[in-house]
Amino acid sequence: MMSQPSRAIPTNLILGFLGVGKTTAILDLLRQKPEGETWAVLVNEFGEVGIDGALLQNQGAVIREVPGGCMCCVAGLPMQVGLNQLIRAARPDRLLIEPTGLGHPARILQTLTEDTYRDTLAIGPVITLVDPRKLEDPRALDNVQFRDQIAAADILVANKTDLCTDEQVRHFDEWAEAQGQSDRPVFHTSQGKLSPDWLNGQSRFLAVSNPGAHHDHGSEPAREPSPDINEEPWQCVTSRGQGHASIGWRIHPELMFSESALLSLAMDDRVVRFKAVVHTIEGWRAMNVVEGSMTVVPAEPGELTRIELIAPGRLDVAELDARLRAAAGLD
């Protein structure tokens, strides 16, 4: 049993499908953090290279990452280890948990409400972000993770409404009402702007539609520590699960990339998500591309370049690695 903090830590899950803007939303919440409070973020990524964690660093919070698939897999062990380390290190006044967009909320909520954390965590409203444009995509509507992220939500938020038509927003409202939870708060926002007031209160622990859909994937070998970037300056890692594959790179920060070549790779039709914190010829950039919607903004220099792409099905690792090397002038 881990030692208990003096009071239960207010804890919120921020859910949402791939590319909906969860990390942007958490960044905005951290900017609104009350002065003098310590907040912590447990962030889980589908891939192995820790881009979301890198974006959240230096934002006034203590960050812990659980990379490489859904944090609840393998009997919840990766999540519990990261969570325990974070609580001990930060003793936070609030904890935010960002599962991967391909994760399933039922097992995560189950872990958080076990006896181990009963007196440690106070589970507040589960917030699920939705891009209204996704409601036009049968692949999203038929995805069990998407459906159960919606079912678990205490608060439902339409994000990226600035990119939607009026009809798409109206469709979202009609769809949200049809989910059968008339008392559930529903909000519209853009650029991930959430109200800190939405974090207060208690979760209703709503039942998901298919709680057994995400089960243990069996024993996995322990991941080896990442090699030293100075000894191995170009590291390529892969991950698979939930019908998707990812390729990620950790690259020495002295290597510089052509921004245009990176964007060409990001816009490949096979890729549903591309994200990077990368040293380009024009300077450090945070890049995010979700099915053709692109954001590129200046970034703080990092300890290394991190690049990841996600696609359904398999990817040709050798081909994509060669294209990335060419973007760095290594061909």
C-alpha atoms as a PDB file:
ATOM      1  CA  MET A   1       0.000   0.000   0.000  1.00  0.00           C
ATOM      2  CA  MET A   2       1.425   3.363  -0.949  1.00  0.00           C
ATOM      3  CA  SER A   3       1.622   6.109   1.668  1.00  0.00           C
ATOM      4  CA  GLN A   4      -1.412   8.376   1.518  1.00  0.00           C
ATOM      5  CA  PRO A   5      -1.386  12.138   0.997  1.00  0.00           C
ATOM      6  CA  SER A   6      -3.098  14.278   3.632  1.00  0.00           C
ATOM      7  CA  ARG A   7      -6.213  14.578   1.469  1.00  0.00           C
ATOM      8  CA  ALA A   8      -7.587  12.910  -1.610  1.00  0.00           C
ATOM      9  CA  ILE A   9      -6.224  14.456  -4.808  1.00  0.00           C
ATOM     10  CA  PRO A  10      -8.861  15.877  -7.189  1.00  0.00           C
ATOM     11  CA  THR A  11      -8.366  13.829 -10.371  1.00  0.00           C
ATOM     12  CA  ASN A  12      -9.846  14.218 -13.845  1.00  0.00           C
ATOM     13  CA  LEU A  13      -9.632  12.113 -16.995  1.00  0.00           C
ATOM     14  CA  ILE A  14      -9.445  14.063 -20.254  1.00  0.00           C
ATOM     15  CA  LEU A  15     -10.644  11.689 -22.974  1.00  0.00           C
ATOM     16  CA  GLY A  16     -10.979  11.965 -26.732  1.00  0.00           C
ATOM     17  CA  PHE A  17     -10.161  10.205 -29.986  1.00  0.00           C
ATOM     18  CA  LEU A  18      -6.932  10.638 -31.956  1.00  0.00           C
ATOM     19  CA  GLY A  19      -6.116  14.270 -32.730  1.00  0.00           C
ATOM     20  CA  VAL A  20      -9.096  15.841 -30.958  1.00  0.00           C
ATOM     21  CA  GLY A  21      -6.878  18.259 -29.000  1.00  0.00           C
ATOM     22  CA  LYS A  22      -6.471  16.732 -25.531  1.00  0.00           C
ATOM     23  CA  THR A  23      -2.898  17.938 -25.025  1.00  0.00           C
ATOM     24  CA  THR A  24      -3.816  21.439 -26.204  1.00  0.00           C
ATOM     25  CA  ALA A  25      -6.705  21.440 -23.734  1.00  0.00           C
ATOM     26  CA  ILE A  26      -4.437  20.402 -20.859  1.00  0.00           C
ATOM     27  CA  LEU A  27      -1.923  23.100 -21.812  1.00  0.00           C
ATOM     28  CA  ASP A  28      -4.726  25.661 -21.602  1.00  0.00           C
ATOM     29  CA  LEU A  29      -5.855  24.344 -18.208  1.00  0.00           C
ATOM     30  CA  LEU A  30      -2.287  24.565 -16.891  1.00  0.00           C
ATOM     31  CA  ARG A  31      -2.161  28.211 -17.938  1.00  0.00           C
ATOM     32  CA  GLN A  32      -5.217  28.774 -15.729  1.00  0.00           C
ATOM     33  CA  LYS A  33      -3.824  26.878 -12.730  1.00  0.00           C
ATOM     34  CA  PRO A  34      -4.252  28.782  -9.437  1.00  0.00           C
ATOM     35  CA  GLU A  35      -1.015  30.357  -8.309  1.00  0.00           C
ATOM     36  CA  GLY A  36       0.669  28.364  -5.593  1.00  0.00           C
ATOM     37  CA  GLU A  37      -0.916  25.031  -6.549  1.00  0.00           C
ATOM     38  CA  THR A  38       1.042  22.063  -7.851  1.00  0.00           C
ATOM     39  CA  TRP A  39      -0.650  20.162 -10.665  1.00  0.00           C
ATOM     40  CA  ALA A  40       0.473  16.862 -12.123  1.00  0.00           C
ATOM     41  CA  VAL A  41      -0.265  15.217 -15.475  1.00  0.00           C
ATOM     42  CA  LEU A  42      -0.105  11.510 -16.276  1.00  0.00           C
ATOM     43  CA  VAL A  43       0.055  11.324 -20.063  1.00  0.00           C
ATOM     44  CA  ASN A  44      -0.264   8.166 -22.117  1.00  0.00           C
ATOM     45  CA  GLU A  45       0.705   7.958 -25.788  1.00  0.00           C
ATOM     46  CA  PHE A  46       0.062   5.252 -28.338  1.00  0.00           C
ATOM     47  CA  GLY A  47       3.632   5.516 -29.595  1.00  0.00           C
ATOM     48  CA  GLU A  48       6.955   5.255 -27.819  1.00  0.00           C
ATOM     49  CA  VAL A  49       8.663   8.633 -28.207  1.00  0.00           C
ATOM     50  CA  GLY A  50       6.850  10.897 -25.730  1.00  0.00           C
ATOM     51  CA  ILE A  51       5.838  13.908 -27.808  1.00  0.00           C
ATOM     52  CA  ASP A  52       2.868  14.966 -25.678  1.00  0.00           C
ATOM     53  CA  GLY A  53       5.020  14.763 -22.573  1.00  0.00           C
ATOM     54  CA  ALA A  54       7.642  16.944 -24.247  1.00  0.00           C
ATOM     55  CA  LEU A  55       4.996  19.547 -25.133  1.00  0.00           C
ATOM     56  CA  LEU A  56       3.745  19.626 -21.533  1.00  0.00           C
ATOM     57  CA  GLN A  57       7.182  20.070 -19.990  1.00  0.00           C
ATOM     58  CA  ASN A  58       8.015  23.521 -18.583  1.00  0.00           C
ATOM     59  CA  GLN A  59       4.324  24.368 -18.206  1.00  0.00           C
ATOM     60  CA  GLY A  60       4.255  24.585 -14.420  1.00  0.00           C
ATOM     61  CA  ALA A  61       3.228  20.969 -13.799  1.00  0.00           C
ATOM     62  CA  VAL A  62       4.897  17.685 -12.921  1.00  0.00           C
ATOM     63  CA  ILE A  63       4.669  15.296 -15.890  1.00  0.00           C
ATOM     64  CA  ARG A  64       4.914  11.520 -16.003  1.00  0.00           C
ATOM     65  CA  GLU A  65       4.615   9.536 -19.235  1.00  0.00           C
ATOM     66  CA  VAL A  66       3.288   6.051 -19.944  1.00  0.00           C
ATOM     67  CA  PRO A  67       4.333   5.423 -23.567  1.00  0.00           C
ATOM     68  CA  GLY A  68       3.675   2.573 -25.945  1.00  0.00           C
ATOM     69  CA  GLY A  69      -0.049   1.808 -26.091  1.00  0.00           C
ATOM     70  CA  CYS A  70      -2.957   2.033 -23.696  1.00  0.00           C
ATOM     71  CA  MET A  71      -1.830   2.630 -20.113  1.00  0.00           C
ATOM     72  CA  CYS A  72      -4.354   0.126 -18.746  1.00  0.00           C
ATOM     73  CA  CYS A  73      -2.852  -2.889 -20.543  1.00  0.00           C
ATOM     74  CA  VAL A  74      -0.883  -5.653 -18.823  1.00  0.00           C
ATOM     75  CA  ALA A  75      -3.126  -5.687 -15.759  1.00  0.00           C
ATOM     76  CA  GLY A  76      -2.816  -1.942 -15.392  1.00  0.00           C
ATOM     77  CA  LEU A  77       0.805  -2.184 -14.256  1.00  0.00           C
ATOM     78  CA  PRO A  78       2.315   0.608 -16.429  1.00  0.00           C
ATOM     79  CA  MET A  79      -0.400   2.996 -15.270  1.00  0.00           C
ATOM     80  CA  GLN A  80      -0.043   2.097 -11.595  1.00  0.00           C
ATOM     81  CA  VAL A  81       3.740   2.473 -11.649  1.00  0.00           C
ATOM     82  CA  GLY A  82       3.551   5.871 -13.353  1.00  0.00           C
ATOM     83  CA  LEU A  83       0.716   7.033 -11.121  1.00  0.00           C
ATOM     84  CA  ASN A  84       2.436   6.003  -7.897  1.00  0.00           C
ATOM     85  CA  GLN A  85       5.691   7.678  -8.930  1.00  0.00           C
ATOM     86  CA  LEU A  86       3.837  10.859  -9.850  1.00  0.00           C
ATOM     87  CA  ILE A  87       1.914  11.054  -6.576  1.00  0.00           C
ATOM     88  CA  ARG A  88       5.047  10.497  -4.517  1.00  0.00           C
ATOM     89  CA  ALA A  89       7.154  12.965  -6.501  1.00  0.00           C
ATOM     90  CA  ALA A  90       4.636  15.791  -6.854  1.00  0.00           C
ATOM     91  CA  ARG A  91       2.146  15.521  -3.970  1.00  0.00           C
ATOM     92  CA  PRO A  92      -0.112  17.436  -6.357  1.00  0.00           C
ATOM     93  CA  ASP A  93      -3.111  19.618  -5.600  1.00  0.00           C
ATOM     94  CA  ARG A  94      -4.729  18.285  -8.788  1.00  0.00           C
ATOM     95  CA  LEU A  95      -4.039  15.387 -11.140  1.00  0.00           C
ATOM     96  CA  LEU A  96      -4.982  15.315 -14.823  1.00  0.00           C
ATOM     97  CA  ILE A  97      -4.839  12.031 -16.743  1.00  0.00           C
ATOM     98  CA  GLU A  98      -4.636  12.019 -20.555  1.00  0.00           C
ATOM     99  CA  PRO A  99      -5.047   8.489 -21.963  1.00  0.00           C
ATOM    100  CA  THR A 100      -4.176   7.747 -25.561  1.00  0.00           C
ATOM    101  CA  GLY A 101      -6.908   8.489 -28.072  1.00  0.00           C
ATOM    102  CA  LEU A 102      -6.978   4.762 -28.847  1.00  0.00           C
ATOM    103  CA  GLY A 103      -7.414   3.838 -25.187  1.00  0.00           C
ATOM    104  CA  HIS A 104     -10.454   2.425 -23.440  1.00  0.00           C
ATOM    105  CA  PRO A 105     -11.703   4.255 -20.311  1.00  0.00           C
ATOM    106  CA  ALA A 106     -13.314   1.359 -18.435  1.00  0.00           C
ATOM    107  CA  ARG A 107     -10.101  -0.302 -17.258  1.00  0.00           C
ATOM    108  CA  ILE A 108      -8.528   3.036 -16.392  1.00  0.00           C
ATOM    109  CA  LEU A 109     -11.501   4.043 -14.214  1.00  0.00           C
ATOM    110  CA  GLN A 110     -11.493   0.577 -12.665  1.00  0.00           C
ATOM    111  CA  THR A 111      -7.848   0.990 -11.650  1.00  0.00           C
ATOM    112  CA  LEU A 112      -8.415   4.493 -10.266  1.00  0.00           C
ATOM    113  CA  THR A 113     -11.284   3.325  -8.055  1.00  0.00           C
ATOM    114  CA  GLU A 114      -9.586   0.257  -6.585  1.00  0.00           C
ATOM    115  CA  ASP A 115      -8.899   0.097  -2.856  1.00  0.00           C
ATOM    116  CA  THR A 116      -5.284   1.150  -3.480  1.00  0.00           C
ATOM    117  CA  TYR A 117      -6.415   4.648  -4.469  1.00  0.00           C
ATOM    118  CA  ARG A 118      -9.689   4.955  -2.537  1.00  0.00           C
ATOM    119  CA  ASP A 119      -8.284   7.435  -0.012  1.00  0.00           C
ATOM    120  CA  THR A 120      -5.693   8.881  -2.383  1.00  0.00           C
ATOM    121  CA  LEU A 121      -7.721  10.068  -5.387  1.00  0.00           C
ATOM    122  CA  ALA A 122     -11.036  11.910  -5.616  1.00  0.00           C
ATOM    123  CA  ILE A 123     -12.311  11.220  -9.137  1.00  0.00           C
ATOM    124  CA  GLY A 124     -13.900  14.329 -10.597  1.00  0.00           C
ATOM    125  CA  PRO A 125     -15.876  14.719 -13.823  1.00  0.00           C
ATOM    126  CA  VAL A 126     -14.608  12.772 -16.814  1.00  0.00           C
ATOM    127  CA  ILE A 127     -14.335  15.200 -19.741  1.00  0.00           C
ATOM    128  CA  THR A 128     -14.521  13.850 -23.290  1.00  0.00           C
ATOM    129  CA  LEU A 129     -13.608  16.026 -26.266  1.00  0.00           C
ATOM    130  CA  VAL A 130     -15.185  15.382 -29.661  1.00  0.00           C
ATOM    131  CA  ASP A 131     -14.358  16.866 -33.047  1.00  0.00           C
ATOM    132  CA  PRO A 132     -17.850  17.303 -34.597  1.00  0.00           C
ATOM    133  CA  ARG A 133     -16.394  16.563 -38.031  1.00  0.00           C
ATOM    134  CA  LYS A 134     -15.630  13.006 -36.849  1.00  0.00           C
ATOM    135  CA  LEU A 135     -19.351  12.310 -36.645  1.00  0.00           C
ATOM    136  CA  GLU A 136     -19.332  12.140 -40.448  1.00  0.00           C
ATOM    137  CA  ASP A 137     -16.791   9.285 -40.388  1.00  0.00           C
ATOM    138  CA  PRO A 138     -18.278   5.794 -39.930  1.00  0.00           C
ATOM    139  CA  ARG A 139     -14.856   4.506 -38.864  1.00  0.00           C
ATOM    140  CA  ALA A 140     -15.040   6.714 -35.767  1.00  0.00           C
ATOM    141  CA  LEU A 141     -18.683   6.027 -34.998  1.00  0.00           C
ATOM    142  CA  ASP A 142     -18.098   2.277 -35.265  1.00  0.00           C
ATOM    143  CA  ASN A 143     -14.953   2.351 -33.118  1.00  0.00           C
ATOM    144  CA  VAL A 144     -15.537   0.882 -29.664  1.00  0.00           C
ATOM    145  CA  GLN A 145     -12.955   3.183 -28.063  1.00  0.00           C
ATOM    146  CA  PHE A 146     -14.698   6.258 -29.502  1.00  0.00           C
ATOM    147  CA  ARG A 147     -18.123   5.045 -28.371  1.00  0.00           C
ATOM    148  CA  ASP A 148     -16.989   4.225 -24.863  1.00  0.00           C
ATOM    149  CA  GLN A 149     -15.098   7.492 -24.419  1.00  0.00           C
ATOM    150  CA  ILE A 150     -18.461   9.152 -25.111  1.00  0.00           C
ATOM    151  CA  ALA A 151     -20.364   6.829 -22.785  1.00  0.00           C
ATOM    152  CA  ALA A 152     -17.925   7.461 -19.907  1.00  0.00           C
ATOM    153  CA  ALA A 153     -18.130  11.259 -20.188  1.00  0.00           C
ATOM    154  CA  ASP A 154     -19.614  13.303 -17.358  1.00  0.00           C
ATOM    155  CA  ILE A 155     -19.065  16.365 -19.559  1.00  0.00           C
ATOM    156  CA  LEU A 156     -19.089  16.300 -23.356  1.00  0.00           C
ATOM    157  CA  VAL A 157     -17.209  19.035 -25.214  1.00  0.00           C
ATOM    158  CA  ALA A 158     -17.310  19.803 -28.934  1.00  0.00           C
ATOM    159  CA  ASN A 159     -13.789  21.036 -29.684  1.00  0.00           C
ATOM    160  CA  LYS A 160     -12.450  22.621 -32.885  1.00  0.00           C
ATOM    161  CA  THR A 161     -15.801  24.276 -33.564  1.00  0.00           C
ATOM    162  CA  ASP A 162     -13.901  27.090 -35.303  1.00  0.00           C
ATOM    163  CA  LEU A 163     -13.071  24.541 -38.023  1.00  0.00           C
ATOM    164  CA  CYS A 164     -16.653  23.262 -38.311  1.00  0.00           C
ATOM    165  CA  THR A 165     -19.599  24.451 -40.352  1.00  0.00           C
ATOM    166  CA  ASP A 166     -22.783  25.531 -38.581  1.00  0.00           C
ATOM    167  CA  GLU A 167     -24.414  22.344 -39.829  1.00  0.00           C
ATOM    168  CA  GLN A 168     -21.660  20.181 -38.320  1.00  0.00           C
ATOM    169  CA  VAL A 169     -22.101  21.881 -34.939  1.00  0.00           C
ATOM    170  CA  ARG A 170     -25.893  21.428 -35.131  1.00  0.00           C
ATOM    171  CA  HIS A 171     -25.353  17.775 -36.012  1.00  0.00           C
ATOM    172  CA  PHE A 172     -23.126  17.389 -32.957  1.00  0.00           C
ATOM    173  CA  ASP A 173     -25.802  18.857 -30.689  1.00  0.00           C
ATOM    174  CA  GLU A 174     -28.452  16.526 -32.106  1.00  0.00           C
ATOM    175  CA  TRP A 175     -26.111  13.549 -31.814  1.00  0.00           C
ATOM    176  CA  ALA A 176     -25.181  14.444 -28.205  1.00  0.00           C
ATOM    177  CA  GLU A 177     -28.854  14.686 -27.257  1.00  0.00           C
ATOM    178  CA  ALA A 178     -29.515  11.315 -28.876  1.00  0.00           C
ATOM    179  CA  GLN A 179     -26.980   9.636 -26.578  1.00  0.00           C
ATOM    180  CA  GLY A 180     -29.716   9.420 -23.940  1.00  0.00           C
ATOM    181  CA  GLN A 181     -28.111  11.435 -21.122  1.00  0.00           C
ATOM    182  CA  SER A 182     -30.219  14.567 -21.081  1.00  0.00           C
ATOM    183  CA  ASP A 183     -28.691  15.820 -17.824  1.00  0.00           C
ATOM    184  CA  ARG A 184     -25.094  15.631 -19.097  1.00  0.00           C
ATOM    185  CA  PRO A 185     -23.505  19.067 -19.635  1.00  0.00           C
ATOM    186  CA  VAL A 186     -22.535  19.698 -23.265  1.00  0.00           C
ATOM    187  CA  PHE A 187     -20.268  22.572 -24.290  1.00  0.00           C
ATOM    188  CA  HIS A 188     -18.747  24.032 -27.453  1.00  0.00           C
ATOM    189  CA  THR A 189     -15.174  25.291 -27.612  1.00  0.00           C
ATOM    190  CA  SER A 190     -12.233  25.764 -29.937  1.00  0.00           C
ATOM    191  CA  GLN A 191      -8.456  25.440 -29.602  1.00  0.00           C
ATOM    192  CA  GLY A 192      -8.937  23.244 -26.546  1.00  0.00           C
ATOM    193  CA  LYS A 193     -10.160  26.006 -24.242  1.00  0.00           C
ATOM    194  CA  LEU A 194     -11.783  24.399 -21.196  1.00  0.00           C
ATOM    195  CA  SER A 195     -13.140  26.069 -18.082  1.00  0.00           C
ATOM    196  CA  PRO A 196     -11.354  25.017 -14.871  1.00  0.00           C
ATOM    197  CA  ASP A 197     -14.790  24.989 -13.236  1.00  0.00           C
ATOM    198  CA  TRP A 198     -15.601  21.882 -15.280  1.00  0.00           C
ATOM    199  CA  LEU A 199     -12.980  19.980 -13.283  1.00  0.00           C
ATOM    200  CA  ASN A 200     -14.860  20.384  -9.986  1.00  0.00           C
ATOM    201  CA  GLY A 201     -17.330  17.897  -8.585  1.00  0.00           C
ATOM    202  CA  GLN A 202     -17.523  14.112  -8.724  1.00  0.00           C
ATOM    203  CA  SER A 203     -17.688  11.611 -11.523  1.00  0.00           C
ATOM    204  CA  ARG A 204     -20.919   9.681 -11.934  1.00  0.00           C
ATOM    205  CA  PHE A 205     -18.905   6.638 -13.128  1.00  0.00           C
ATOM    206  CA  LEU A 206     -21.194   6.101 -16.078  1.00  0.00           C
ATOM    207  CA  ALA A 207     -21.332   2.610 -17.538  1.00  0.00           C
ATOM    208  CA  VAL A 208     -19.612   2.205 -20.897  1.00  0.00           C
ATOM    209  CA  SER A 209     -21.252   0.317 -23.731  1.00  0.00           C
ATOM    210  CA  ASN A 210     -18.733  -2.514 -23.891  1.00  0.00           C
ATOM    211  CA  PRO A 211     -16.551  -2.623 -20.761  1.00  0.00           C
ATOM    212  CA  GLY A 212     -14.842  -5.844 -21.837  1.00  0.00           C
ATOM    213  CA  ALA A 213     -13.745  -4.558 -25.215  1.00  0.00           C
ATOM    214  CA  HIS A 214     -10.299  -3.619 -24.019  1.00  0.00           C
ATOM    215  CA  HIS A 215      -8.780  -6.552 -22.215  1.00  0.00           C
ATOM    216  CA  ASP A 216      -5.281  -7.465 -21.173  1.00  0.00           C
ATOM    217  CA  HIS A 217      -3.059  -8.088 -24.166  1.00  0.00           C
ATOM    218  CA  GLY A 218      -1.091 -10.706 -22.318  1.00  0.00           C
ATOM    219  CA  SER A 219       2.353 -10.431 -20.867  1.00  0.00           C
ATOM    220  CA  GLU A 220       4.749  -8.141 -22.636  1.00  0.00           C
ATOM    221  CA  PRO A 221       8.501  -8.047 -22.138  1.00  0.00           C
ATOM    222  CA  ALA A 222       9.752  -5.102 -20.149  1.00  0.00           C
ATOM    223  CA  ARG A 223      10.835  -2.286 -22.425  1.00  0.00           C
ATOM    224  CA  GLU A 224      14.517  -1.605 -22.571  1.00  0.00           C
ATOM    225  CA  PRO A 225      15.605   1.900 -21.580  1.00  0.00           C
ATOM    226  CA  SER A 226      16.070   4.232 -24.538  1.00  0.00           C
ATOM    227  CA  PRO A 227      19.670   4.273 -25.793  1.00  0.00           C
ATOM    228  CA  ASP A 228      21.754   7.357 -25.113  1.00  0.00           C
ATOM    229  CA  ILE A 229      21.050   9.836 -27.911  1.00  0.00           C
ATOM    230  CA  ASN A 230      24.749  10.720 -28.197  1.00  0.00           C
ATOM    231  CA  GLU A 231      25.693   7.066 -28.719  1.00  0.00           C
ATOM    232  CA  GLU A 232      22.735   6.319 -31.004  1.00  0.00           C
ATOM    233  CA  PRO A 233      21.664   9.632 -32.566  1.00  0.00           C
ATOM    234  CA  TRP A 234      18.935   8.154 -34.818  1.00  0.00           C
ATOM    235  CA  GLN A 235      16.465   5.872 -33.019  1.00  0.00           C
ATOM    236  CA  CYS A 236      13.391   4.413 -34.748  1.00  0.00           C
ATOM    237  CA  VAL A 237      10.754   2.541 -32.723  1.00  0.00           C
ATOM    238  CA  THR A 238       7.433   0.968 -33.680  1.00  0.00           C
ATOM    239  CA  SER A 239       4.208   0.098 -31.897  1.00  0.00           C
ATOM    240  CA  ARG A 240       0.972  -1.700 -32.833  1.00  0.00           C
ATOM    241  CA  GLY A 241      -2.463  -2.125 -31.279  1.00  0.00           C
ATOM    242  CA  GLN A 242      -6.168  -1.303 -31.585  1.00  0.00           C
ATOM    243  CA  GLY A 243      -5.970  -1.692 -35.353  1.00  0.00           C
ATOM    244  CA  HIS A 244      -3.297   0.986 -35.728  1.00  0.00           C
ATOM    245  CA  ALA A 245       0.470   1.153 -36.116  1.00  0.00           C
ATOM    246  CA  SER A 246       2.896   3.884 -35.135  1.00  0.00           C
ATOM    247  CA  ILE A 247       6.462   4.715 -36.071  1.00  0.00           C
ATOM    248  CA  GLY A 248       8.394   7.078 -33.853  1.00  0.00           C
ATOM    249  CA  TRP A 249      11.837   8.608 -33.966  1.00  0.00           C
ATOM    250  CA  ARG A 250      14.155  10.039 -31.335  1.00  0.00           C
ATOM    251  CA  ILE A 251      16.860  12.040 -33.093  1.00  0.00           C
ATOM    252  CA  HIS A 252      19.879  14.017 -31.922  1.00  0.00           C
ATOM    253  CA  PRO A 253      18.947  17.717 -31.644  1.00  0.00           C
ATOM    254  CA  GLU A 254      21.873  18.891 -33.788  1.00  0.00           C
ATOM    255  CA  LEU A 255      20.302  17.313 -36.878  1.00  0.00           C
ATOM    256  CA  MET A 256      18.051  19.812 -38.678  1.00  0.00           C
ATOM    257  CA  PHE A 257      15.141  19.004 -40.953  1.00  0.00           C
ATOM    258  CA  SER A 258      13.490  20.639 -43.930  1.00  0.00           C
ATOM    259  CA  GLU A 259      10.095  21.814 -42.703  1.00  0.00           C
ATOM    260  CA  SER A 260       8.540  21.425 -46.145  1.00  0.00           C
ATOM    261  CA  ALA A 261       9.836  17.857 -46.471  1.00  0.00           C
ATOM    262  CA  LEU A 262       8.394  16.989 -43.063  1.00  0.00           C
ATOM    263  CA  LEU A 263       5.012  18.405 -44.016  1.00  0.00           C
ATOM    264  CA  SER A 264       5.065  16.365 -47.216  1.00  0.00           C
ATOM    265  CA  LEU A 265       5.568  13.242 -45.118  1.00  0.00           C
ATOM    266  CA  ALA A 266       2.879  14.345 -42.664  1.00  0.00           C
ATOM    267  CA  MET A 267       0.320  14.766 -45.447  1.00  0.00           C
ATOM    268  CA  ASP A 268       0.806  11.222 -46.749  1.00  0.00           C
ATOM    269  CA  ASP A 269      -2.639   9.721 -47.347  1.00  0.00           C
ATOM    270  CA  ARG A 270      -1.798   6.683 -45.227  1.00  0.00           C
ATOM    271  CA  VAL A 271      -1.166   8.763 -42.088  1.00  0.00           C
ATOM    272  CA  VAL A 272      -4.042   9.692 -39.765  1.00  0.00           C
ATOM    273  CA  ARG A 273      -1.841  11.459 -37.224  1.00  0.00           C
ATOM    274  CA  PHE A 274       1.575  13.119 -37.434  1.00  0.00           C
ATOM    275  CA  LYS A 275       3.094  15.002 -34.534  1.00  0.00           C
ATOM    276  CA  ALA A 276       6.564  16.230 -33.788  1.00  0.00           C
ATOM    277  CA  VAL A 277       8.733  18.487 -31.688  1.00  0.00           C
ATOM    278  CA  VAL A 278      11.510  18.949 -34.186  1.00  0.00           C
ATOM    279  CA  HIS A 279      14.599  21.027 -34.959  1.00  0.00           C
ATOM    280  CA  THR A 280      14.064  22.429 -38.443  1.00  0.00           C
ATOM    281  CA  ILE A 281      16.292  24.668 -40.529  1.00  0.00           C
ATOM    282  CA  GLU A 282      13.887  27.495 -39.655  1.00  0.00           C
ATOM    283  CA  GLY A 283      14.058  26.750 -35.895  1.00  0.00           C
ATOM    284  CA  TRP A 284      12.323  24.451 -33.404  1.00  0.00           C
ATOM    285  CA  ARG A 285       8.730  23.609 -34.316  1.00  0.00           C
ATOM    286  CA  ALA A 286       5.793  21.773 -32.776  1.00  0.00           C
ATOM    287  CA  MET A 287       3.952  20.142 -35.666  1.00  0.00           C
ATOM    288  CA  ASN A 288       0.556  18.484 -35.571  1.00  0.00           C
ATOM    289  CA  VAL A 289      -1.315  17.072 -38.565  1.00  0.00           C
ATOM    290  CA  VAL A 290      -4.629  15.242 -38.177  1.00  0.00           C
ATOM    291  CA  GLU A 291      -6.099  13.861 -41.402  1.00  0.00           C
ATOM    292  CA  GLY A 292      -5.100  16.889 -43.461  1.00  0.00           C
ATOM    293  CA  SER A 293      -5.616  19.575 -40.795  1.00  0.00           C
ATOM    294  CA  MET A 294      -2.210  21.077 -40.029  1.00  0.00           C
ATOM    295  CA  THR A 295      -0.781  23.170 -37.166  1.00  0.00           C
ATOM    296  CA  VAL A 296       2.835  24.331 -37.023  1.00  0.00           C
ATOM    297  CA  VAL A 297       3.989  26.641 -34.198  1.00  0.00           C
ATOM    298  CA  PRO A 298       7.365  27.660 -32.754  1.00  0.00           C
ATOM    299  CA  ALA A 299       8.588  25.448 -29.912  1.00  0.00           C
ATOM    300  CA  GLU A 300      11.157  25.609 -27.155  1.00  0.00           C
ATOM    301  CA  PRO A 301      14.419  23.831 -28.017  1.00  0.00           C
ATOM    302  CA  GLY A 302      14.248  20.218 -26.908  1.00  0.00           C
ATOM    303  CA  GLU A 303      16.764  17.717 -25.641  1.00  0.00           C
ATOM    304  CA  LEU A 304      16.097  15.777 -28.846  1.00  0.00           C
ATOM    305  CA  THR A 305      13.824  15.789 -31.893  1.00  0.00           C
ATOM    306  CA  ARG A 306      10.743  13.593 -31.483  1.00  0.00           C
ATOM    307  CA  ILE A 307       8.585  12.565 -34.443  1.00  0.00           C
ATOM    308  CA  GLU A 308       5.675  10.144 -34.601  1.00  0.00           C
ATOM    309  CA  LEU A 309       3.125   9.074 -37.172  1.00  0.00           C
ATOM    310  CA  ILE A 310       0.111   6.816 -36.724  1.00  0.00           C
ATOM    311  CA  ALA A 311      -1.830   4.973 -39.396  1.00  0.00           C
ATOM    312  CA  PRO A 312      -4.408   2.193 -39.599  1.00  0.00           C
ATOM    313  CA  GLY A 313      -2.912  -1.111 -40.641  1.00  0.00           C
ATOM    314  CA  ARG A 314       0.760  -1.688 -41.338  1.00  0.00           C
ATOM    315  CA  LEU A 315       3.397   0.804 -42.402  1.00  0.00           C
ATOM    316  CA  ASP A 316       6.532   0.413 -44.471  1.00  0.00           C
ATOM    317  CA  VAL A 317       9.099   1.328 -41.839  1.00  0.00           C
ATOM    318  CA  ALA A 318      12.091   1.244 -44.208  1.00  0.00           C
ATOM    319  CA  GLU A 319      10.393   3.534 -46.747  1.00  0.00           C
ATOM    320  CA  LEU A 320       9.270   6.102 -44.167  1.00  0.00           C
ATOM    321  CA  ASP A 321      12.603   6.055 -42.366  1.00  0.00           C
ATOM    322  CA  ALA A 322      14.357   6.737 -45.694  1.00  0.00           C
ATOM    323  CA  ARG A 323      12.019   9.663 -46.393  1.00  0.00           C
ATOM    324  CA  LEU A 324      12.714  11.127 -42.967  1.00  0.00           C
ATOM    325  CA  ARG A 325      16.466  10.753 -43.422  1.00  0.00           C
ATOM    326  CA  ALA A 326      16.132  12.588 -46.721  1.00  0.00           C
ATOM    327  CA  ALA A 327      14.305  15.394 -44.923  1.00  0.00           C
ATOM    328  CA  ALA A 328      17.393  15.715 -42.701  1.00  0.00           C
ATOM    329  CA  GLY A 329      19.736  15.724 -45.698  1.00  0.00           C
ATOM    330  CA  LEU A 330      21.054  12.242 -44.908  1.00  0.00           C
ATOM    331  CA  ASP A 331      20.146  10.534 -48.180  1.00  0.00           C
END
